[in-house]
Amino acid sequence: MFFVYWTVLEYKTGKSIGKKILNLQVTSLSEEKPTFKGILLCNFGKSFLLPLDVIIGWILTNEKRQRIFNKIGDTIVIKIKESENDLGAKYLKD
């Protein structure tokens, strides 16, 4: 069930509800929308093999701090900055 939830939301929007709260987003290594295959691979590891994925990821980590299945799927989780418009901007009607 989580596998389907994460796959659908992260492919359509790049974010699950938890990622949205923490201002995180899944993207490809070229900072474009990730492929469906990449999202499937990333979420397969997270859904079914998370302990193994995390332990091996700690041992074989890289400078991008990707989990193993993120590396296989060419995806990365990035922190996004809040836009200036979200910080108290007021919209006035002409």
Protein backbone atom coordinates (compact mmCIF):
# COMPACT_ATOMS: atom_id res chain seq x y z
CA MET A 1 0.00 0.00 0.00
CA PHE A 2 2.81 2.44 0.86
CA PHE A 3 4.60 1.45 -2.34
CA VAL A 4 1.62 2.59 -4.46
CA TYR A 5 1.13 5.75 -2.36
CA TRP A 6 4.76 6.85 -2.64
CA THR A 7 5.03 5.92 -6.31
CA VAL A 8 1.92 7.80 -7.42
CA LEU A 9 2.56 10.98 -5.39
CA GLU A 10 6.29 11.17 -6.06
CA TYR A 11 5.87 10.58 -9.79
CA LYS A 12 3.04 13.13 -10.16
CA THR A 13 4.30 15.86 -7.80
CA GLY A 14 7.80 14.83 -6.69
CA LYS A 15 6.59 14.87 -3.08
CA SER A 16 4.71 12.72 -0.62
CA ILE A 17 2.83 14.42 2.21
CA GLY A 18 5.83 13.99 4.53
CA LYS A 19 8.24 15.42 1.95
CA LYS A 20 5.91 18.38 1.40
CA ILE A 21 5.90 19.13 5.15
CA LEU A 22 9.73 18.94 5.29
CA ASN A 23 10.24 20.90 2.00
CA LEU A 24 11.84 17.91 0.28
CA GLN A 25 11.40 16.72 -3.28
CA VAL A 26 12.45 13.73 -5.37
CA THR A 27 14.21 14.69 -8.57
CA SER A 28 16.54 13.10 -11.09
CA LEU A 29 20.28 13.68 -10.86
CA SER A 30 19.94 16.17 -13.74
CA GLU A 31 17.36 18.07 -11.61
CA GLU A 32 14.50 17.24 -13.96
CA LYS A 33 11.35 15.26 -13.33
CA PRO A 34 12.42 11.69 -12.49
CA THR A 35 11.36 8.84 -14.73
CA PHE A 36 8.61 6.46 -13.68
CA LYS A 37 11.19 3.63 -13.65
CA GLY A 38 13.43 5.64 -11.31
CA ILE A 39 10.56 6.34 -8.95
CA LEU A 40 9.55 2.65 -8.97
CA LEU A 41 13.09 1.53 -8.11
CA CYS A 42 13.51 4.14 -5.37
CA ASN A 43 10.20 3.26 -3.75
CA PHE A 44 10.70 -0.49 -4.06
CA GLY A 45 13.74 -0.26 -1.80
CA LYS A 46 11.99 2.10 0.59
CA SER A 47 8.85 -0.07 0.78
CA PHE A 48 10.25 -3.58 0.95
CA LEU A 49 13.98 -3.48 1.75
CA LEU A 50 14.43 -0.32 3.82
CA PRO A 51 16.69 -1.76 6.57
CA LEU A 52 18.99 -3.32 3.98
CA ASP A 53 18.85 -0.19 1.82
CA VAL A 54 19.78 2.08 4.74
CA ILE A 55 22.57 -0.13 6.16
CA ILE A 56 24.24 -0.66 2.78
CA GLY A 57 23.68 3.03 2.00
CA TRP A 58 25.57 4.06 5.16
CA ILE A 59 28.47 1.80 4.23
CA LEU A 60 28.62 2.79 0.56
CA THR A 61 27.52 6.42 0.88
CA ASN A 62 28.56 9.09 -1.59
CA GLU A 63 28.78 12.88 -1.41
CA LYS A 64 25.11 13.14 -2.46
CA ARG A 65 23.98 10.92 0.46
CA GLN A 66 21.81 8.72 -1.74
CA ARG A 67 20.29 5.44 -0.62
CA ILE A 68 21.19 2.41 -2.73
CA PHE A 69 17.86 2.36 -4.56
CA ASN A 70 18.14 6.10 -5.23
CA LYS A 71 21.47 5.40 -6.93
CA ILE A 72 19.96 2.58 -8.99
CA GLY A 73 16.99 4.75 -10.01
CA ASP A 74 19.12 7.87 -10.69
CA THR A 75 17.05 9.88 -8.21
CA ILE A 76 17.94 12.12 -5.32
CA VAL A 77 15.94 13.78 -2.55
CA ILE A 78 16.64 17.50 -2.36
CA LYS A 79 15.69 20.28 0.05
CA ILE A 80 13.72 23.03 -1.65
CA LYS A 81 13.74 26.61 -0.47
CA GLU A 82 10.53 28.46 0.22
CA SER A 83 9.85 31.09 -2.41
CA GLU A 84 9.77 34.71 -1.41
CA ASN A 85 6.11 34.88 -2.43
CA ASP A 86 5.19 32.44 0.32
CA LEU A 87 6.53 34.70 3.06
CA GLY A 88 3.72 37.14 3.74
CA ALA A 89 3.12 38.39 0.19
CA LYS A 90 -0.17 40.15 -0.31
CA TYR A 91 -2.06 40.11 -3.58
CA LEU A 92 -4.05 43.19 -4.42
CA LYS A 93 -6.90 43.42 -6.89
CA ASP A 94 -6.42 46.01 -9.64
